[in-house]
Every structure is written in C-alpha cells, then in structure tokens.
Amino acid sequence: MSPEEIQNSANALFKAEKSRQQIDLISLANPQMTMDDAYAVQSAFVDNKLSNGGKIRGWKIGLTSKAMQSALGIDIPDSGILFEDMFFESGSHIPQDRFIQPRIEAEIAFVMKAPLSGPNTTREQVLAATDYVCPSLEILDTRILRQDPKTGTKRKIFDTIADNAANAGIVLGAQKHKIDTFDLRWVGAIVTKNDEVEETGLGAGVLNDPVMGIAWLANRLAQYNQSISAGDVVLSGSFIRPVETQNGDLIHADFGPFGHVSCTF
C-alpha cells in the first residue's frame, strides 16, 4: 500500500470509531495488502488517536488460540494498543452508544513493573518484569465490516490488525496476584451471559502458557522498534471464543480462586 492509501485507511477507521459507522474491508480495496501494511495502518490510526488526546496504557495480544488462527488462515497472533479511555472497572455499565458490535473475551491481564524489549525475550524475563496478574474481560469491536455485503468476502487478518486488533475496551478485575501465585496454564474461567454459561477455557489455550504470549509480544514489537514499558497493562490473549453481546446483557467471568470480573451493556 502507498503512504497515501495507508493514511486514508487510518483516517477512515478513526472516523468510523467516532461515528460508529463501519467502513468497507480494507483488504478488499487493497488486494496487495501485506502484514506490514496492516501494522502501518494501525500505527497511523494510533497516531490519529494520540493527536486527539488519546493516551497509551498498554497492549493486547489476539488470535493466540489454534481455533482462531485456523479460522483466519494464519499461524501467528496479532497485537494492538490499549488506550486510557478503554478501561472500565469490574461491575461497570457500558454505555449503549459506546461501541458498534461489542463482543467479549476472557483473558489474564499482566501489569508490568519493568520495561521489556526483544528480540529473544525469555519466559524468565517476563516473570521478572511482571508486577502482578489479574482477571479481565476484553471488549472487542470492529470498525470494519465483518463481511462485504456485495461479494460475501469476509474480513482478513490484515483488516483485523489495521483495526487495532479489533480492541475497544477492557474490564479489569480487582484481584491482584503475584506472577508465581498460580500456574497460569491452569487458570480458567466460566463465562456467563445473563446467568447462562456461554464459554469456558483455560490459560493454556494461549500459546500453551499466557507468559509466553507476553514474550511473543516483546519479540514482535522489536521488529518495529517498539517495546513494553513499566506500568503497561498487557492482555495476554483470550482462551475462549468471542461472546456476542446486546444492550442489557450482563457478562460475568468466574475465574475461581483467581477472581472474577463482570460488566453490563
């Protein structure tokens, strides 16, 4: 994609977020689009948000499970940037006019006490740099159509990455745990919508160990001369499929001894 095409796509995404009106598939209009193009669009979209008062608070990792990767025909996760205005406390009521098509995922959130940069970041370095972990819900949204109404073409990984990895909000649980308190591979959640179980999963669904998700992110960011900073919140990736939500839905994730987190739309 040319610099002009990248900037135009980023501007369209920024407008879509403000207006809550989805745009057409970027990959359909730009069939030559690459992974680097997608991250370039994301970067320009982030610049737009920063120029309009946005403040970065961390990172998210997506598409870590084999099921989600297979569905999109990829073999690697993706990442996006979390902004200060995306954060909600557990039990919050999410405004009806905030998002377009919100969905929910359950994740383990890492809060960092030291910077972390790749390449070659190890599991031990992630453990040393982590302040604490806590239960969380990620609110996904899409500023891009999931499917083109004329051709039936579905969005590609490039669209999702360009759309800041489809992230829109995060609800953090109040419980904070030192990184070595739990075996995060066995930390799971029962996710209910209006008191009915929708999804269940275990942390091992995230690259076999959520800690390795953080290592993957640090190493990927190094390719773009970026890094994780002290104080950043990092979502390690969902271990459930996204749960569709509508106005009035109560979402609750029971992580057992690890804690719980909820929100109402």
C-alpha atoms as a PDB file:
ATOM      1  CA  MET A   1       0.000   0.000   0.000  1.00  0.00           C
ATOM      2  CA  SER A   2       1.176   3.514  -0.705  1.00  0.00           C
ATOM      3  CA  PRO A   3       1.639   6.016   2.146  1.00  0.00           C
ATOM      4  CA  GLU A   4      -1.496   7.817   0.942  1.00  0.00           C
ATOM      5  CA  GLU A   5      -3.564   4.594   0.963  1.00  0.00           C
ATOM      6  CA  ILE A   6      -2.309   3.771   4.452  1.00  0.00           C
ATOM      7  CA  GLN A   7      -3.183   7.220   5.812  1.00  0.00           C
ATOM      8  CA  ASN A   8      -6.602   7.254   4.113  1.00  0.00           C
ATOM      9  CA  SER A   9      -7.430   3.877   5.648  1.00  0.00           C
ATOM     10  CA  ALA A  10      -6.345   5.064   9.086  1.00  0.00           C
ATOM     11  CA  ASN A  11      -8.440   8.224   8.751  1.00  0.00           C
ATOM     12  CA  ALA A  12     -11.472   6.159   7.740  1.00  0.00           C
ATOM     13  CA  LEU A  13     -11.027   3.907  10.788  1.00  0.00           C
ATOM     14  CA  PHE A  14     -10.756   6.903  13.102  1.00  0.00           C
ATOM     15  CA  LYS A  15     -13.937   8.380  11.639  1.00  0.00           C
ATOM     16  CA  ALA A  16     -15.715   5.019  11.926  1.00  0.00           C
ATOM     17  CA  GLU A  17     -14.883   4.805  15.624  1.00  0.00           C
ATOM     18  CA  LYS A  18     -16.281   8.282  16.240  1.00  0.00           C
ATOM     19  CA  SER A  19     -19.411   7.851  14.132  1.00  0.00           C
ATOM     20  CA  ARG A  20     -19.999   4.164  14.963  1.00  0.00           C
ATOM     21  CA  GLN A  21     -20.455   3.550  11.228  1.00  0.00           C
ATOM     22  CA  GLN A  22     -18.394   0.659   9.871  1.00  0.00           C
ATOM     23  CA  ILE A  23     -16.222   1.004   6.792  1.00  0.00           C
ATOM     24  CA  ASP A  24     -15.675  -1.445   3.931  1.00  0.00           C
ATOM     25  CA  LEU A  25     -12.974  -4.114   4.055  1.00  0.00           C
ATOM     26  CA  ILE A  26      -9.559  -2.517   3.604  1.00  0.00           C
ATOM     27  CA  SER A  27      -8.162  -5.775   2.228  1.00  0.00           C
ATOM     28  CA  LEU A  28     -10.844  -5.877  -0.464  1.00  0.00           C
ATOM     29  CA  ALA A  29      -9.946  -2.408  -1.720  1.00  0.00           C
ATOM     30  CA  ASN A  30      -6.222  -3.221  -1.415  1.00  0.00           C
ATOM     31  CA  PRO A  31      -5.746  -6.857  -2.503  1.00  0.00           C
ATOM     32  CA  GLN A  32      -1.964  -6.411  -2.401  1.00  0.00           C
ATOM     33  CA  MET A  33      -2.112  -5.618   1.330  1.00  0.00           C
ATOM     34  CA  THR A  34       0.583  -7.259   3.490  1.00  0.00           C
ATOM     35  CA  MET A  35       1.084  -7.755   7.216  1.00  0.00           C
ATOM     36  CA  ASP A  36       3.459  -4.790   7.278  1.00  0.00           C
ATOM     37  CA  ASP A  37       0.809  -2.674   5.521  1.00  0.00           C
ATOM     38  CA  ALA A  38      -1.731  -3.696   8.147  1.00  0.00           C
ATOM     39  CA  TYR A  39       0.518  -2.670  11.026  1.00  0.00           C
ATOM     40  CA  ALA A  40       1.318   0.580   9.193  1.00  0.00           C
ATOM     41  CA  VAL A  41      -2.402   1.375   9.026  1.00  0.00           C
ATOM     42  CA  GLN A  42      -2.725   0.508  12.714  1.00  0.00           C
ATOM     43  CA  SER A  43       0.188   2.812  13.533  1.00  0.00           C
ATOM     44  CA  ALA A  44      -1.370   5.689  11.583  1.00  0.00           C
ATOM     45  CA  PHE A  45      -4.730   5.029  13.276  1.00  0.00           C
ATOM     46  CA  VAL A  46      -2.997   5.142  16.669  1.00  0.00           C
ATOM     47  CA  ASP A  47      -1.297   8.418  15.692  1.00  0.00           C
ATOM     48  CA  ASN A  48      -4.718   9.876  14.924  1.00  0.00           C
ATOM     49  CA  LYS A  49      -5.946   8.889  18.381  1.00  0.00           C
ATOM     50  CA  LEU A  50      -2.840  10.311  20.048  1.00  0.00           C
ATOM     51  CA  SER A  51      -3.258  13.578  18.153  1.00  0.00           C
ATOM     52  CA  ASN A  52      -6.787  13.812  19.511  1.00  0.00           C
ATOM     53  CA  GLY A  53      -5.862  13.387  23.159  1.00  0.00           C
ATOM     54  CA  GLY A  54      -5.525   9.618  23.437  1.00  0.00           C
ATOM     55  CA  LYS A  55      -3.087   8.185  25.997  1.00  0.00           C
ATOM     56  CA  ILE A  56      -1.486   4.768  25.597  1.00  0.00           C
ATOM     57  CA  ARG A  57      -1.817   2.450  28.580  1.00  0.00           C
ATOM     58  CA  GLY A  58      -0.663  -0.896  27.212  1.00  0.00           C
ATOM     59  CA  TRP A  59      -1.013  -3.672  24.660  1.00  0.00           C
ATOM     60  CA  LYS A  60      -3.248  -6.541  23.670  1.00  0.00           C
ATOM     61  CA  ILE A  61      -2.412  -9.848  22.061  1.00  0.00           C
ATOM     62  CA  GLY A  62      -5.024 -11.528  19.895  1.00  0.00           C
ATOM     63  CA  LEU A  63      -5.557 -14.682  17.868  1.00  0.00           C
ATOM     64  CA  THR A  64      -3.447 -16.817  20.170  1.00  0.00           C
ATOM     65  CA  SER A  65      -5.598 -19.955  20.021  1.00  0.00           C
ATOM     66  CA  LYS A  66      -5.264 -22.583  17.304  1.00  0.00           C
ATOM     67  CA  ALA A  67      -9.012 -22.443  16.612  1.00  0.00           C
ATOM     68  CA  MET A  68      -8.992 -18.691  15.903  1.00  0.00           C
ATOM     69  CA  GLN A  69      -5.784 -18.895  13.854  1.00  0.00           C
ATOM     70  CA  SER A  70      -7.221 -21.698  11.731  1.00  0.00           C
ATOM     71  CA  ALA A  71     -10.423 -19.757  11.143  1.00  0.00           C
ATOM     72  CA  LEU A  72      -8.430 -16.844   9.693  1.00  0.00           C
ATOM     73  CA  GLY A  73      -5.822 -18.935   7.914  1.00  0.00           C
ATOM     74  CA  ILE A  74      -2.839 -17.633   9.892  1.00  0.00           C
ATOM     75  CA  ASP A  75      -0.274 -19.204  12.178  1.00  0.00           C
ATOM     76  CA  ILE A  76       0.750 -16.263  14.379  1.00  0.00           C
ATOM     77  CA  PRO A  77      -1.023 -13.976  16.866  1.00  0.00           C
ATOM     78  CA  ASP A  78      -1.551 -10.264  16.334  1.00  0.00           C
ATOM     79  CA  SER A  79      -1.326  -7.242  18.602  1.00  0.00           C
ATOM     80  CA  GLY A  80      -2.843  -3.837  19.220  1.00  0.00           C
ATOM     81  CA  ILE A  81      -2.586  -0.848  21.554  1.00  0.00           C
ATOM     82  CA  LEU A  82      -4.706  -0.135  24.635  1.00  0.00           C
ATOM     83  CA  PHE A  83      -5.729   3.449  25.404  1.00  0.00           C
ATOM     84  CA  GLU A  84      -6.619   5.004  28.746  1.00  0.00           C
ATOM     85  CA  ASP A  85     -10.251   5.604  27.758  1.00  0.00           C
ATOM     86  CA  MET A  86     -10.755   1.888  27.032  1.00  0.00           C
ATOM     87  CA  PHE A  87     -10.584   0.885  30.716  1.00  0.00           C
ATOM     88  CA  PHE A  88     -13.611   0.071  32.876  1.00  0.00           C
ATOM     89  CA  GLU A  89     -13.848  -1.184  36.446  1.00  0.00           C
ATOM     90  CA  SER A  90     -15.424  -4.560  37.151  1.00  0.00           C
ATOM     91  CA  GLY A  91     -19.191  -4.173  37.539  1.00  0.00           C
ATOM     92  CA  SER A  92     -19.327  -1.198  35.178  1.00  0.00           C
ATOM     93  CA  HIS A  93     -22.291  -0.371  32.988  1.00  0.00           C
ATOM     94  CA  ILE A  94     -21.020   0.071  29.420  1.00  0.00           C
ATOM     95  CA  PRO A  95     -22.815   2.950  27.632  1.00  0.00           C
ATOM     96  CA  GLN A  96     -25.102   1.787  24.829  1.00  0.00           C
ATOM     97  CA  ASP A  97     -23.669   4.318  22.381  1.00  0.00           C
ATOM     98  CA  ARG A  98     -20.009   3.477  23.050  1.00  0.00           C
ATOM     99  CA  PHE A  99     -19.449   0.578  20.643  1.00  0.00           C
ATOM    100  CA  ILE A 100     -20.707  -0.765  17.302  1.00  0.00           C
ATOM    101  CA  GLN A 101     -20.848  -4.573  17.642  1.00  0.00           C
ATOM    102  CA  PRO A 102     -19.261  -5.365  21.024  1.00  0.00           C
ATOM    103  CA  ARG A 103     -18.122  -8.878  21.860  1.00  0.00           C
ATOM    104  CA  ILE A 104     -16.421 -10.205  24.988  1.00  0.00           C
ATOM    105  CA  GLU A 105     -13.364 -12.370  25.627  1.00  0.00           C
ATOM    106  CA  ALA A 106     -11.891 -13.607  28.939  1.00  0.00           C
ATOM    107  CA  GLU A 107      -8.183 -13.080  29.489  1.00  0.00           C
ATOM    108  CA  ILE A 108      -5.398 -12.873  32.040  1.00  0.00           C
ATOM    109  CA  ALA A 109      -4.048  -9.337  32.250  1.00  0.00           C
ATOM    110  CA  PHE A 110      -0.398  -8.633  33.088  1.00  0.00           C
ATOM    111  CA  VAL A 111       0.648  -5.352  34.711  1.00  0.00           C
ATOM    112  CA  MET A 112       4.328  -4.640  34.222  1.00  0.00           C
ATOM    113  CA  LYS A 113       6.752  -3.189  36.774  1.00  0.00           C
ATOM    114  CA  ALA A 114       9.745  -3.045  34.443  1.00  0.00           C
ATOM    115  CA  PRO A 115      10.270  -2.487  30.718  1.00  0.00           C
ATOM    116  CA  LEU A 116      10.518  -5.481  28.434  1.00  0.00           C
ATOM    117  CA  SER A 117      12.019  -5.478  24.976  1.00  0.00           C
ATOM    118  CA  GLY A 118      13.027  -8.053  22.410  1.00  0.00           C
ATOM    119  CA  PRO A 119      14.325  -9.731  20.477  1.00  0.00           C
ATOM    120  CA  ASN A 120      14.914 -13.034  22.260  1.00  0.00           C
ATOM    121  CA  THR A 121      12.786 -12.188  25.299  1.00  0.00           C
ATOM    122  CA  THR A 122      12.557 -15.246  27.557  1.00  0.00           C
ATOM    123  CA  ARG A 123       9.882 -16.586  29.889  1.00  0.00           C
ATOM    124  CA  GLU A 124      12.122 -15.771  32.861  1.00  0.00           C
ATOM    125  CA  GLN A 125      12.438 -12.154  31.748  1.00  0.00           C
ATOM    126  CA  VAL A 126       8.647 -11.825  31.513  1.00  0.00           C
ATOM    127  CA  LEU A 127       8.250 -13.219  35.029  1.00  0.00           C
ATOM    128  CA  ALA A 128      10.835 -10.773  36.380  1.00  0.00           C
ATOM    129  CA  ALA A 129       9.225  -7.768  34.656  1.00  0.00           C
ATOM    130  CA  THR A 130       5.646  -8.514  35.793  1.00  0.00           C
ATOM    131  CA  ASP A 131       4.221  -6.646  38.782  1.00  0.00           C
ATOM    132  CA  TYR A 132       1.010  -8.678  39.044  1.00  0.00           C
ATOM    133  CA  VAL A 133      -1.650 -10.513  37.041  1.00  0.00           C
ATOM    134  CA  CYS A 134      -5.432 -10.221  37.310  1.00  0.00           C
ATOM    135  CA  PRO A 135      -8.643 -11.447  35.651  1.00  0.00           C
ATOM    136  CA  SER A 136     -10.029  -9.350  32.830  1.00  0.00           C
ATOM    137  CA  LEU A 137     -12.585  -9.086  30.068  1.00  0.00           C
ATOM    138  CA  GLU A 138     -11.659  -7.628  26.705  1.00  0.00           C
ATOM    139  CA  ILE A 139     -14.346  -5.792  24.771  1.00  0.00           C
ATOM    140  CA  LEU A 140     -13.856  -6.366  21.066  1.00  0.00           C
ATOM    141  CA  ASP A 141     -15.388  -4.129  18.439  1.00  0.00           C
ATOM    142  CA  THR A 142     -14.972  -3.821  14.710  1.00  0.00           C
ATOM    143  CA  ARG A 143     -14.764  -0.543  12.864  1.00  0.00           C
ATOM    144  CA  ILE A 144     -14.638  -2.655   9.672  1.00  0.00           C
ATOM    145  CA  LEU A 145     -17.434  -4.799   8.268  1.00  0.00           C
ATOM    146  CA  ARG A 146     -17.040  -8.460   9.162  1.00  0.00           C
ATOM    147  CA  GLN A 147     -18.250  -9.399   5.681  1.00  0.00           C
ATOM    148  CA  ASP A 148     -18.675  -7.472   2.431  1.00  0.00           C
ATOM    149  CA  PRO A 149     -22.425  -7.381   1.654  1.00  0.00           C
ATOM    150  CA  LYS A 150     -21.929  -7.438  -2.120  1.00  0.00           C
ATOM    151  CA  THR A 151     -19.323 -10.163  -2.596  1.00  0.00           C
ATOM    152  CA  GLY A 152     -19.679 -12.102   0.646  1.00  0.00           C
ATOM    153  CA  THR A 153     -15.934 -11.700   1.215  1.00  0.00           C
ATOM    154  CA  LYS A 154     -15.028 -11.999   4.885  1.00  0.00           C
ATOM    155  CA  ARG A 155     -12.520  -9.755   6.625  1.00  0.00           C
ATOM    156  CA  LYS A 156      -8.938 -10.966   6.683  1.00  0.00           C
ATOM    157  CA  ILE A 157      -6.243 -10.841   9.314  1.00  0.00           C
ATOM    158  CA  PHE A 158      -4.968  -7.667   7.638  1.00  0.00           C
ATOM    159  CA  ASP A 159      -8.284  -5.922   8.335  1.00  0.00           C
ATOM    160  CA  THR A 160      -8.231  -7.000  11.975  1.00  0.00           C
ATOM    161  CA  ILE A 161      -4.661  -5.811  12.522  1.00  0.00           C
ATOM    162  CA  ALA A 162      -5.318  -2.493  10.793  1.00  0.00           C
ATOM    163  CA  ASP A 163      -8.347  -2.065  13.070  1.00  0.00           C
ATOM    164  CA  ASN A 164      -6.019  -2.033  16.101  1.00  0.00           C
ATOM    165  CA  ALA A 165      -6.556  -5.784  16.533  1.00  0.00           C
ATOM    166  CA  ALA A 166     -10.297  -5.104  16.982  1.00  0.00           C
ATOM    167  CA  ASN A 167      -9.789  -3.949  20.565  1.00  0.00           C
ATOM    168  CA  ALA A 168     -12.132  -1.407  22.073  1.00  0.00           C
ATOM    169  CA  GLY A 169     -12.335  -1.855  25.845  1.00  0.00           C
ATOM    170  CA  ILE A 170     -11.004  -3.721  28.869  1.00  0.00           C
ATOM    171  CA  VAL A 171     -12.607  -4.522  32.207  1.00  0.00           C
ATOM    172  CA  LEU A 172     -10.091  -5.338  34.945  1.00  0.00           C
ATOM    173  CA  GLY A 173     -10.891  -7.474  37.963  1.00  0.00           C
ATOM    174  CA  ALA A 174      -9.987  -6.152  41.400  1.00  0.00           C
ATOM    175  CA  GLN A 175      -7.959  -9.207  42.432  1.00  0.00           C
ATOM    176  CA  LYS A 176      -4.201  -8.850  42.002  1.00  0.00           C
ATOM    177  CA  HIS A 177      -1.797 -11.792  42.181  1.00  0.00           C
ATOM    178  CA  LYS A 178       1.958 -12.139  42.093  1.00  0.00           C
ATOM    179  CA  ILE A 179       3.078 -13.905  38.945  1.00  0.00           C
ATOM    180  CA  ASP A 180       4.169 -17.063  40.783  1.00  0.00           C
ATOM    181  CA  THR A 181       0.984 -17.464  42.886  1.00  0.00           C
ATOM    182  CA  PHE A 182      -0.834 -19.507  40.232  1.00  0.00           C
ATOM    183  CA  ASP A 183       0.126 -21.809  37.385  1.00  0.00           C
ATOM    184  CA  LEU A 184      -1.420 -19.612  34.702  1.00  0.00           C
ATOM    185  CA  ARG A 185      -1.802 -22.567  32.335  1.00  0.00           C
ATOM    186  CA  TRP A 186      -4.481 -23.871  34.720  1.00  0.00           C
ATOM    187  CA  VAL A 187      -6.182 -20.548  35.408  1.00  0.00           C
ATOM    188  CA  GLY A 188      -9.510 -20.636  33.611  1.00  0.00           C
ATOM    189  CA  ALA A 189     -12.909 -19.010  33.556  1.00  0.00           C
ATOM    190  CA  ILE A 190     -16.593 -19.825  33.249  1.00  0.00           C
ATOM    191  CA  VAL A 191     -18.108 -17.003  31.214  1.00  0.00           C
ATOM    192  CA  THR A 192     -21.836 -16.406  31.514  1.00  0.00           C
ATOM    193  CA  LYS A 193     -24.229 -14.094  29.726  1.00  0.00           C
ATOM    194  CA  ASN A 194     -27.375 -13.324  31.694  1.00  0.00           C
ATOM    195  CA  ASP A 195     -26.554 -16.224  34.041  1.00  0.00           C
ATOM    196  CA  GLU A 196     -26.231 -18.773  31.224  1.00  0.00           C
ATOM    197  CA  VAL A 197     -22.839 -20.357  30.526  1.00  0.00           C
ATOM    198  CA  GLU A 198     -21.529 -19.255  27.131  1.00  0.00           C
ATOM    199  CA  GLU A 199     -17.864 -20.286  27.150  1.00  0.00           C
ATOM    200  CA  THR A 200     -15.235 -21.937  29.314  1.00  0.00           C
ATOM    201  CA  GLY A 201     -11.479 -22.184  28.870  1.00  0.00           C
ATOM    202  CA  LEU A 202      -8.028 -22.448  30.389  1.00  0.00           C
ATOM    203  CA  GLY A 203      -4.972 -20.224  30.194  1.00  0.00           C
ATOM    204  CA  ALA A 204      -3.083 -22.992  28.383  1.00  0.00           C
ATOM    205  CA  GLY A 205      -5.154 -22.110  25.318  1.00  0.00           C
ATOM    206  CA  VAL A 206      -2.896 -19.057  24.965  1.00  0.00           C
ATOM    207  CA  LEU A 207       0.244 -20.426  23.301  1.00  0.00           C
ATOM    208  CA  ASN A 208       0.312 -23.177  25.953  1.00  0.00           C
ATOM    209  CA  ASP A 209       1.239 -20.544  28.563  1.00  0.00           C
ATOM    210  CA  PRO A 210       0.000 -16.922  28.858  1.00  0.00           C
ATOM    211  CA  VAL A 211       3.503 -15.888  29.930  1.00  0.00           C
ATOM    212  CA  MET A 212       4.779 -16.882  26.507  1.00  0.00           C
ATOM    213  CA  GLY A 213       2.183 -14.578  24.957  1.00  0.00           C
ATOM    214  CA  ILE A 214       3.931 -11.651  26.635  1.00  0.00           C
ATOM    215  CA  ALA A 215       7.311 -12.903  25.404  1.00  0.00           C
ATOM    216  CA  TRP A 216       5.897 -13.201  21.871  1.00  0.00           C
ATOM    217  CA  LEU A 217       4.662  -9.601  22.035  1.00  0.00           C
ATOM    218  CA  ALA A 218       8.006  -8.217  23.228  1.00  0.00           C
ATOM    219  CA  ASN A 219       9.783 -10.021  20.398  1.00  0.00           C
ATOM    220  CA  ARG A 220       7.270  -8.910  17.761  1.00  0.00           C
ATOM    221  CA  LEU A 221       7.437  -5.290  18.904  1.00  0.00           C
ATOM    222  CA  ALA A 222      11.202  -5.349  18.482  1.00  0.00           C
ATOM    223  CA  GLN A 223      10.672  -5.777  14.744  1.00  0.00           C
ATOM    224  CA  TYR A 224       9.043  -2.325  14.738  1.00  0.00           C
ATOM    225  CA  ASN A 225      11.443  -0.692  17.220  1.00  0.00           C
ATOM    226  CA  GLN A 226       8.816  -0.754  19.962  1.00  0.00           C
ATOM    227  CA  SER A 227       8.767  -2.256  23.455  1.00  0.00           C
ATOM    228  CA  ILE A 228       6.655  -2.824  26.559  1.00  0.00           C
ATOM    229  CA  SER A 229       7.022  -0.121  29.218  1.00  0.00           C
ATOM    230  CA  ALA A 230       6.873  -0.260  33.002  1.00  0.00           C
ATOM    231  CA  GLY A 231       3.286   0.312  34.090  1.00  0.00           C
ATOM    232  CA  ASP A 232       1.785  -1.090  30.890  1.00  0.00           C
ATOM    233  CA  VAL A 233      -1.241  -3.356  31.061  1.00  0.00           C
ATOM    234  CA  VAL A 234      -0.885  -6.256  28.635  1.00  0.00           C
ATOM    235  CA  LEU A 235      -3.758  -8.560  27.709  1.00  0.00           C
ATOM    236  CA  SER A 236      -2.185 -11.954  27.124  1.00  0.00           C
ATOM    237  CA  GLY A 237      -4.843 -13.311  24.750  1.00  0.00           C
ATOM    238  CA  SER A 238      -8.247 -14.905  25.036  1.00  0.00           C
ATOM    239  CA  PHE A 239      -8.749 -18.559  25.932  1.00  0.00           C
ATOM    240  CA  ILE A 240     -12.431 -18.512  24.875  1.00  0.00           C
ATOM    241  CA  ARG A 241     -14.268 -17.715  21.661  1.00  0.00           C
ATOM    242  CA  PRO A 242     -15.786 -14.201  21.486  1.00  0.00           C
ATOM    243  CA  VAL A 243     -19.223 -13.864  23.077  1.00  0.00           C
ATOM    244  CA  GLU A 244     -21.708 -11.663  21.202  1.00  0.00           C
ATOM    245  CA  THR A 245     -23.438  -9.010  23.321  1.00  0.00           C
ATOM    246  CA  GLN A 246     -26.535  -6.852  23.070  1.00  0.00           C
ATOM    247  CA  ASN A 247     -27.902  -3.971  25.084  1.00  0.00           C
ATOM    248  CA  GLY A 248     -28.948  -5.222  28.523  1.00  0.00           C
ATOM    249  CA  ASP A 249     -26.607  -8.228  28.647  1.00  0.00           C
ATOM    250  CA  LEU A 250     -24.801  -8.994  31.909  1.00  0.00           C
ATOM    251  CA  ILE A 251     -21.420 -10.657  31.346  1.00  0.00           C
ATOM    252  CA  HIS A 252     -19.662 -12.402  34.211  1.00  0.00           C
ATOM    253  CA  ALA A 253     -16.396 -14.323  34.163  1.00  0.00           C
ATOM    254  CA  ASP A 254     -15.765 -16.582  37.139  1.00  0.00           C
ATOM    255  CA  PHE A 255     -12.037 -17.363  37.363  1.00  0.00           C
ATOM    256  CA  GLY A 256     -12.473 -19.393  40.566  1.00  0.00           C
ATOM    257  CA  PRO A 257      -9.725 -18.678  43.151  1.00  0.00           C
ATOM    258  CA  PHE A 258      -8.091 -16.286  40.661  1.00  0.00           C
ATOM    259  CA  GLY A 259     -11.051 -13.869  40.930  1.00  0.00           C
ATOM    260  CA  HIS A 260     -13.953 -12.622  38.872  1.00  0.00           C
ATOM    261  CA  VAL A 261     -14.885  -9.754  36.579  1.00  0.00           C
ATOM    262  CA  SER A 262     -18.166  -8.509  35.121  1.00  0.00           C
ATOM    263  CA  CYS A 263     -19.871  -5.769  33.161  1.00  0.00           C
ATOM    264  CA  THR A 264     -23.332  -4.869  31.853  1.00  0.00           C
ATOM    265  CA  PHE A 265     -24.043  -3.468  28.410  1.00  0.00           C
END
